[in-house]
Amino acid sequence: MTSSTLTRARTRFPSAVLVAVGLAAGFGVAQSTGIRALGGALFALGGLGAAWLWVQRRGWAVALGLGGLYVGAFVLAHVLALGVGMAAWLAVSLVTIAAAGVTFAVADRPQAAVTRR
């Protein structure tokens, strides 16, 4: 294994962090400032950053699927909070944990090494 491979493996930033920040911090900023567009901008930046990593690591198909999950989590948080009556922070926390967990499993977890015969 070369040193460049070791450096790359060690400095690999998890896209699940961007998903969590985009959802949770986006909501927090929108709620605390009262400026929904500011929270939306943070949500969009988190999603775009994560999507860039997904395309680089796993390709367009995975990026589109995880992008749908990201936007779906945003919508589901609204449905849980407004439609079901769940506390807003609880709804955002649940969808953030779920979306970040799936993102880690699909895009961030190291792939098993393929054994060659």
C-alpha atoms as a PDB file:
ATOM      1  CA  MET A   1       0.000   0.000   0.000  1.00  0.00           C
ATOM      2  CA  THR A   2       1.463   3.342  -0.970  1.00  0.00           C
ATOM      3  CA  SER A   3       1.620   6.373   1.282  1.00  0.00           C
ATOM      4  CA  SER A   4      -0.836   8.254  -0.934  1.00  0.00           C
ATOM      5  CA  THR A   5      -3.373   5.444  -0.438  1.00  0.00           C
ATOM      6  CA  LEU A   6      -2.872   5.589   3.313  1.00  0.00           C
ATOM      7  CA  THR A   7      -3.276   9.366   3.341  1.00  0.00           C
ATOM      8  CA  ARG A   8      -6.449   9.177   1.275  1.00  0.00           C
ATOM      9  CA  ALA A   9      -7.944   6.507   3.525  1.00  0.00           C
ATOM     10  CA  ARG A  10      -7.098   8.433   6.675  1.00  0.00           C
ATOM     11  CA  THR A  11      -8.462  11.785   5.507  1.00  0.00           C
ATOM     12  CA  ARG A  12     -11.727  10.508   4.034  1.00  0.00           C
ATOM     13  CA  PHE A  13     -14.442  12.905   5.210  1.00  0.00           C
ATOM     14  CA  PRO A  14     -17.770  11.155   5.891  1.00  0.00           C
ATOM     15  CA  SER A  15     -20.639  12.491   3.810  1.00  0.00           C
ATOM     16  CA  ALA A  16     -23.009  11.460   6.612  1.00  0.00           C
ATOM     17  CA  VAL A  17     -21.690  14.450   8.573  1.00  0.00           C
ATOM     18  CA  LEU A  18     -22.796  16.789   5.783  1.00  0.00           C
ATOM     19  CA  VAL A  19     -26.218  15.121   5.747  1.00  0.00           C
ATOM     20  CA  ALA A  20     -26.593  15.566   9.508  1.00  0.00           C
ATOM     21  CA  VAL A  21     -25.404  19.175   9.428  1.00  0.00           C
ATOM     22  CA  GLY A  22     -27.604  20.031   6.459  1.00  0.00           C
ATOM     23  CA  LEU A  23     -30.738  18.679   8.111  1.00  0.00           C
ATOM     24  CA  ALA A  24     -30.220  19.527  11.782  1.00  0.00           C
ATOM     25  CA  ALA A  25     -28.245  22.762  11.536  1.00  0.00           C
ATOM     26  CA  GLY A  26     -30.384  23.937   8.630  1.00  0.00           C
ATOM     27  CA  PHE A  27     -33.471  23.558  10.802  1.00  0.00           C
ATOM     28  CA  GLY A  28     -31.764  25.098  13.825  1.00  0.00           C
ATOM     29  CA  VAL A  29     -30.621  28.159  11.899  1.00  0.00           C
ATOM     30  CA  ALA A  30     -34.047  28.631  10.302  1.00  0.00           C
ATOM     31  CA  GLN A  31     -35.778  28.353  13.664  1.00  0.00           C
ATOM     32  CA  SER A  32     -33.375  30.476  15.692  1.00  0.00           C
ATOM     33  CA  THR A  33     -33.031  33.323  13.181  1.00  0.00           C
ATOM     34  CA  GLY A  34     -36.571  33.223  11.824  1.00  0.00           C
ATOM     35  CA  ILE A  35     -35.075  33.383   8.322  1.00  0.00           C
ATOM     36  CA  ARG A  36     -36.186  30.190   6.598  1.00  0.00           C
ATOM     37  CA  ALA A  37     -34.116  30.955   3.511  1.00  0.00           C
ATOM     38  CA  LEU A  38     -30.941  30.959   5.594  1.00  0.00           C
ATOM     39  CA  GLY A  39     -31.752  27.505   6.950  1.00  0.00           C
ATOM     40  CA  GLY A  40     -32.658  26.395   3.432  1.00  0.00           C
ATOM     41  CA  ALA A  41     -29.307  27.625   2.151  1.00  0.00           C
ATOM     42  CA  LEU A  42     -27.511  25.579   4.803  1.00  0.00           C
ATOM     43  CA  PHE A  43     -29.679  22.565   3.904  1.00  0.00           C
ATOM     44  CA  ALA A  44     -28.803  23.010   0.213  1.00  0.00           C
ATOM     45  CA  LEU A  45     -25.072  23.428   0.871  1.00  0.00           C
ATOM     46  CA  GLY A  46     -24.982  20.298   3.020  1.00  0.00           C
ATOM     47  CA  GLY A  47     -26.803  18.337   0.335  1.00  0.00           C
ATOM     48  CA  LEU A  48     -24.644  19.618  -2.506  1.00  0.00           C
ATOM     49  CA  GLY A  49     -21.434  18.877  -0.598  1.00  0.00           C
ATOM     50  CA  ALA A  50     -22.615  15.374   0.237  1.00  0.00           C
ATOM     51  CA  ALA A  51     -23.763  14.794  -3.350  1.00  0.00           C
ATOM     52  CA  TRP A  52     -20.336  15.766  -4.668  1.00  0.00           C
ATOM     53  CA  LEU A  53     -18.755  13.171  -2.359  1.00  0.00           C
ATOM     54  CA  TRP A  54     -21.318  10.520  -3.363  1.00  0.00           C
ATOM     55  CA  VAL A  55     -20.637  11.000  -7.058  1.00  0.00           C
ATOM     56  CA  GLN A  56     -16.888  10.785  -6.463  1.00  0.00           C
ATOM     57  CA  ARG A  57     -17.102   7.673  -4.287  1.00  0.00           C
ATOM     58  CA  ARG A  58     -20.069   5.666  -5.527  1.00  0.00           C
ATOM     59  CA  GLY A  59     -21.286   7.169  -8.820  1.00  0.00           C
ATOM     60  CA  TRP A  60     -24.395   8.908 -10.071  1.00  0.00           C
ATOM     61  CA  ALA A  61     -26.923   6.181  -9.290  1.00  0.00           C
ATOM     62  CA  VAL A  62     -26.036   6.107  -5.596  1.00  0.00           C
ATOM     63  CA  ALA A  63     -25.839   9.914  -5.495  1.00  0.00           C
ATOM     64  CA  LEU A  64     -29.340  10.255  -6.931  1.00  0.00           C
ATOM     65  CA  GLY A  65     -30.720   7.681  -4.506  1.00  0.00           C
ATOM     66  CA  LEU A  66     -29.113   9.292  -1.475  1.00  0.00           C
ATOM     67  CA  GLY A  67     -30.168  12.734  -2.724  1.00  0.00           C
ATOM     68  CA  GLY A  68     -33.753  11.491  -2.822  1.00  0.00           C
ATOM     69  CA  LEU A  69     -33.337  10.163   0.704  1.00  0.00           C
ATOM     70  CA  TYR A  70     -31.968  13.548   1.855  1.00  0.00           C
ATOM     71  CA  VAL A  71     -34.870  15.519   0.390  1.00  0.00           C
ATOM     72  CA  GLY A  72     -37.317  12.855   1.577  1.00  0.00           C
ATOM     73  CA  ALA A  73     -35.998  13.188   5.132  1.00  0.00           C
ATOM     74  CA  PHE A  74     -36.584  16.945   4.951  1.00  0.00           C
ATOM     75  CA  VAL A  75     -40.182  16.386   3.797  1.00  0.00           C
ATOM     76  CA  LEU A  76     -40.778  13.643   6.369  1.00  0.00           C
ATOM     77  CA  ALA A  77     -39.642  15.929   9.192  1.00  0.00           C
ATOM     78  CA  HIS A  78     -42.302  18.416   8.125  1.00  0.00           C
ATOM     79  CA  VAL A  79     -44.959  15.698   7.894  1.00  0.00           C
ATOM     80  CA  LEU A  80     -44.093  14.374  11.347  1.00  0.00           C
ATOM     81  CA  ALA A  81     -44.040  17.827  12.931  1.00  0.00           C
ATOM     82  CA  LEU A  82     -46.968  19.487  11.168  1.00  0.00           C
ATOM     83  CA  GLY A  83     -49.122  16.528  10.171  1.00  0.00           C
ATOM     84  CA  VAL A  84     -48.650  14.138  13.082  1.00  0.00           C
ATOM     85  CA  GLY A  85     -48.026  16.764  15.749  1.00  0.00           C
ATOM     86  CA  MET A  86     -44.628  15.532  16.851  1.00  0.00           C
ATOM     87  CA  ALA A  87     -42.287  18.069  18.449  1.00  0.00           C
ATOM     88  CA  ALA A  88     -40.268  19.743  15.695  1.00  0.00           C
ATOM     89  CA  TRP A  89     -36.840  18.978  17.133  1.00  0.00           C
ATOM     90  CA  LEU A  90     -37.811  15.350  17.734  1.00  0.00           C
ATOM     91  CA  ALA A  91     -38.976  14.982  14.126  1.00  0.00           C
ATOM     92  CA  VAL A  92     -35.792  16.570  12.779  1.00  0.00           C
ATOM     93  CA  SER A  93     -33.632  14.445  15.073  1.00  0.00           C
ATOM     94  CA  LEU A  94     -35.289  11.192  14.001  1.00  0.00           C
ATOM     95  CA  VAL A  95     -35.015  11.844  10.272  1.00  0.00           C
ATOM     96  CA  THR A  96     -31.457  13.148  10.661  1.00  0.00           C
ATOM     97  CA  ILE A  97     -30.323  10.012  12.480  1.00  0.00           C
ATOM     98  CA  ALA A  98     -32.016   7.789   9.902  1.00  0.00           C
ATOM     99  CA  ALA A  99     -30.686   9.664   6.857  1.00  0.00           C
ATOM    100  CA  ALA A 100     -27.154   9.940   8.239  1.00  0.00           C
ATOM    101  CA  GLY A 101     -27.152   6.267   9.198  1.00  0.00           C
ATOM    102  CA  VAL A 102     -28.249   5.106   5.752  1.00  0.00           C
ATOM    103  CA  THR A 103     -25.758   7.492   4.144  1.00  0.00           C
ATOM    104  CA  PHE A 104     -22.932   6.081   6.236  1.00  0.00           C
ATOM    105  CA  ALA A 105     -23.924   2.500   5.407  1.00  0.00           C
ATOM    106  CA  VAL A 106     -24.215   3.142   1.676  1.00  0.00           C
ATOM    107  CA  ALA A 107     -21.558   5.752   0.930  1.00  0.00           C
ATOM    108  CA  ASP A 108     -19.097   6.114   3.803  1.00  0.00           C
ATOM    109  CA  ARG A 109     -18.474   2.678   5.249  1.00  0.00           C
ATOM    110  CA  PRO A 110     -15.253   1.209   3.874  1.00  0.00           C
ATOM    111  CA  GLN A 111     -15.923  -1.424   1.268  1.00  0.00           C
ATOM    112  CA  ALA A 112     -14.719  -4.926   2.002  1.00  0.00           C
ATOM    113  CA  ALA A 113     -11.503  -5.785   0.223  1.00  0.00           C
ATOM    114  CA  VAL A 114     -12.013  -8.120  -2.684  1.00  0.00           C
ATOM    115  CA  THR A 115      -9.864 -11.206  -2.380  1.00  0.00           C
ATOM    116  CA  ARG A 116      -8.141 -12.249  -5.567  1.00  0.00           C
ATOM    117  CA  ARG A 117      -7.308 -15.850  -6.432  1.00  0.00           C
END
